[in-house]
Amino acid sequence: MKKVLLIAALSAAAMFAADGKAIYDTQCKSCHGADGKMKALGKSAPLAGMAAATVQKELEEYKAGTLNKYGMGGVMKGNAAKLSADDMKAVSSYIATLK
């Protein structure tokens, strides 16, 4: 019985886990491009090739309002404000797969 409950709990957690690609597609793709190689508003560096830890750190800093890289602090603060810590981790991991 305990094994069944554990499997059910893990399955439920997986269902509610943040989907990095879905977050990217709705929050990031329009400015950074489907492959992460576009400079957002012609200003930022491409996201493709960035390490997950770097992306997550920068998202946290944008959300806190302490980062204004390429003059994009205001735009990114608004976008990052919509993301939970789990969302940031998921989208950062997804962005790290873009080469």
C-alpha atoms as a PDB file:
ATOM      1  CA  MET A   1       0.000   0.000   0.000  1.00  0.00           C
ATOM      2  CA  LYS A   2       2.837   2.387   0.872  1.00  0.00           C
ATOM      3  CA  LYS A   3       4.420   1.800  -2.543  1.00  0.00           C
ATOM      4  CA  VAL A   4       1.151   2.626  -4.301  1.00  0.00           C
ATOM      5  CA  LEU A   5       0.807   5.876  -2.346  1.00  0.00           C
ATOM      6  CA  LEU A   6       4.411   6.822  -3.067  1.00  0.00           C
ATOM      7  CA  ILE A   7       3.981   6.173  -6.791  1.00  0.00           C
ATOM      8  CA  ALA A   8       0.756   8.195  -6.817  1.00  0.00           C
ATOM      9  CA  ALA A   9       2.424  11.084  -4.981  1.00  0.00           C
ATOM     10  CA  LEU A  10       5.399  11.113  -7.364  1.00  0.00           C
ATOM     11  CA  SER A  11       3.082  10.990 -10.375  1.00  0.00           C
ATOM     12  CA  ALA A  12       1.060  13.913  -9.040  1.00  0.00           C
ATOM     13  CA  ALA A  13       4.229  15.915  -8.407  1.00  0.00           C
ATOM     14  CA  ALA A  14       5.388  15.269 -11.965  1.00  0.00           C
ATOM     15  CA  MET A  15       2.032  16.448 -13.328  1.00  0.00           C
ATOM     16  CA  PHE A  16       2.369  19.758 -11.514  1.00  0.00           C
ATOM     17  CA  ALA A  17       6.076  20.288 -12.187  1.00  0.00           C
ATOM     18  CA  ALA A  18       6.886  23.392 -14.168  1.00  0.00           C
ATOM     19  CA  ASP A  19       7.377  22.801 -17.883  1.00  0.00           C
ATOM     20  CA  GLY A  20      10.400  24.815 -19.001  1.00  0.00           C
ATOM     21  CA  LYS A  21       9.607  24.643 -22.718  1.00  0.00           C
ATOM     22  CA  ALA A  22       6.006  25.758 -22.183  1.00  0.00           C
ATOM     23  CA  ILE A  23       7.174  28.665 -20.032  1.00  0.00           C
ATOM     24  CA  TYR A  24       9.780  29.613 -22.635  1.00  0.00           C
ATOM     25  CA  ASP A  25       7.216  29.446 -25.425  1.00  0.00           C
ATOM     26  CA  THR A  26       4.786  31.753 -23.603  1.00  0.00           C
ATOM     27  CA  GLN A  27       7.182  34.112 -21.786  1.00  0.00           C
ATOM     28  CA  CYS A  28      10.449  34.253 -23.721  1.00  0.00           C
ATOM     29  CA  LYS A  29      10.102  33.107 -27.322  1.00  0.00           C
ATOM     30  CA  SER A  30       8.557  36.287 -28.717  1.00  0.00           C
ATOM     31  CA  CYS A  31      11.655  38.336 -27.832  1.00  0.00           C
ATOM     32  CA  HIS A  32      14.435  35.727 -27.765  1.00  0.00           C
ATOM     33  CA  GLY A  33      13.265  33.546 -30.679  1.00  0.00           C
ATOM     34  CA  ALA A  34      12.302  29.885 -30.811  1.00  0.00           C
ATOM     35  CA  ASP A  35      15.950  28.821 -30.674  1.00  0.00           C
ATOM     36  CA  GLY A  36      17.147  31.469 -28.178  1.00  0.00           C
ATOM     37  CA  LYS A  37      19.480  33.014 -30.745  1.00  0.00           C
ATOM     38  CA  MET A  38      17.637  36.303 -31.191  1.00  0.00           C
ATOM     39  CA  LYS A  39      18.761  39.486 -29.434  1.00  0.00           C
ATOM     40  CA  ALA A  40      15.693  40.702 -27.535  1.00  0.00           C
ATOM     41  CA  LEU A  41      14.670  44.080 -28.946  1.00  0.00           C
ATOM     42  CA  GLY A  42      18.045  44.109 -30.710  1.00  0.00           C
ATOM     43  CA  LYS A  43      19.799  44.727 -27.385  1.00  0.00           C
ATOM     44  CA  SER A  44      20.431  41.582 -25.358  1.00  0.00           C
ATOM     45  CA  ALA A  45      22.859  38.764 -25.936  1.00  0.00           C
ATOM     46  CA  PRO A  46      21.330  35.548 -27.274  1.00  0.00           C
ATOM     47  CA  LEU A  47      20.191  33.062 -24.616  1.00  0.00           C
ATOM     48  CA  ALA A  48      21.308  29.973 -26.536  1.00  0.00           C
ATOM     49  CA  GLY A  49      24.406  28.493 -24.954  1.00  0.00           C
ATOM     50  CA  MET A  50      23.901  30.048 -21.516  1.00  0.00           C
ATOM     51  CA  ALA A  51      24.313  27.818 -18.467  1.00  0.00           C
ATOM     52  CA  ALA A  52      21.176  27.071 -16.454  1.00  0.00           C
ATOM     53  CA  ALA A  53      22.701  28.494 -13.263  1.00  0.00           C
ATOM     54  CA  THR A  54      23.498  31.786 -15.007  1.00  0.00           C
ATOM     55  CA  VAL A  55      20.003  32.109 -16.466  1.00  0.00           C
ATOM     56  CA  GLN A  56      18.376  31.326 -13.130  1.00  0.00           C
ATOM     57  CA  LYS A  57      20.589  33.810 -11.254  1.00  0.00           C
ATOM     58  CA  GLU A  58      19.826  36.552 -13.757  1.00  0.00           C
ATOM     59  CA  LEU A  59      16.084  35.840 -13.655  1.00  0.00           C
ATOM     60  CA  GLU A  60      16.154  36.086  -9.861  1.00  0.00           C
ATOM     61  CA  GLU A  61      18.055  39.392 -10.085  1.00  0.00           C
ATOM     62  CA  TYR A  62      15.657  40.778 -12.698  1.00  0.00           C
ATOM     63  CA  LYS A  63      12.710  39.772 -10.498  1.00  0.00           C
ATOM     64  CA  ALA A  64      14.310  41.518  -7.508  1.00  0.00           C
ATOM     65  CA  GLY A  65      14.956  44.613  -9.637  1.00  0.00           C
ATOM     66  CA  THR A  66      18.710  44.462  -9.045  1.00  0.00           C
ATOM     67  CA  LEU A  67      19.776  43.705 -12.632  1.00  0.00           C
ATOM     68  CA  ASN A  68      19.502  46.046 -15.605  1.00  0.00           C
ATOM     69  CA  LYS A  69      21.613  44.234 -18.185  1.00  0.00           C
ATOM     70  CA  TYR A  70      21.514  45.852 -21.654  1.00  0.00           C
ATOM     71  CA  GLY A  71      18.990  48.353 -20.279  1.00  0.00           C
ATOM     72  CA  MET A  72      16.371  45.601 -20.165  1.00  0.00           C
ATOM     73  CA  GLY A  73      15.793  45.640 -16.393  1.00  0.00           C
ATOM     74  CA  GLY A  74      12.278  47.084 -16.533  1.00  0.00           C
ATOM     75  CA  VAL A  75      11.042  44.733 -19.242  1.00  0.00           C
ATOM     76  CA  MET A  76      12.642  41.700 -17.656  1.00  0.00           C
ATOM     77  CA  LYS A  77      11.464  42.599 -14.146  1.00  0.00           C
ATOM     78  CA  GLY A  78       7.883  42.508 -15.410  1.00  0.00           C
ATOM     79  CA  ASN A  79       8.415  39.166 -17.133  1.00  0.00           C
ATOM     80  CA  ALA A  80      10.329  37.582 -14.252  1.00  0.00           C
ATOM     81  CA  ALA A  81       7.697  38.731 -11.758  1.00  0.00           C
ATOM     82  CA  LYS A  82       5.302  36.222 -13.329  1.00  0.00           C
ATOM     83  CA  LEU A  83       7.634  33.297 -12.594  1.00  0.00           C
ATOM     84  CA  SER A  84       7.807  31.219  -9.432  1.00  0.00           C
ATOM     85  CA  ALA A  85      11.108  29.789  -8.230  1.00  0.00           C
ATOM     86  CA  ASP A  86      10.145  26.437  -9.780  1.00  0.00           C
ATOM     87  CA  ASP A  87       9.254  28.173 -13.064  1.00  0.00           C
ATOM     88  CA  MET A  88      12.635  29.912 -13.127  1.00  0.00           C
ATOM     89  CA  LYS A  89      14.450  26.650 -12.510  1.00  0.00           C
ATOM     90  CA  ALA A  90      12.480  24.865 -15.233  1.00  0.00           C
ATOM     91  CA  VAL A  91      12.883  27.567 -17.869  1.00  0.00           C
ATOM     92  CA  SER A  92      16.575  27.983 -17.018  1.00  0.00           C
ATOM     93  CA  SER A  93      17.110  24.260 -17.512  1.00  0.00           C
ATOM     94  CA  TYR A  94      15.275  24.415 -20.831  1.00  0.00           C
ATOM     95  CA  ILE A  95      17.268  27.433 -22.045  1.00  0.00           C
ATOM     96  CA  ALA A  96      20.498  25.551 -21.247  1.00  0.00           C
ATOM     97  CA  THR A  97      19.471  22.952 -23.860  1.00  0.00           C
ATOM     98  CA  LEU A  98      19.328  25.582 -26.605  1.00  0.00           C
ATOM     99  CA  LYS A  99      22.560  25.518 -28.595  1.00  0.00           C
END
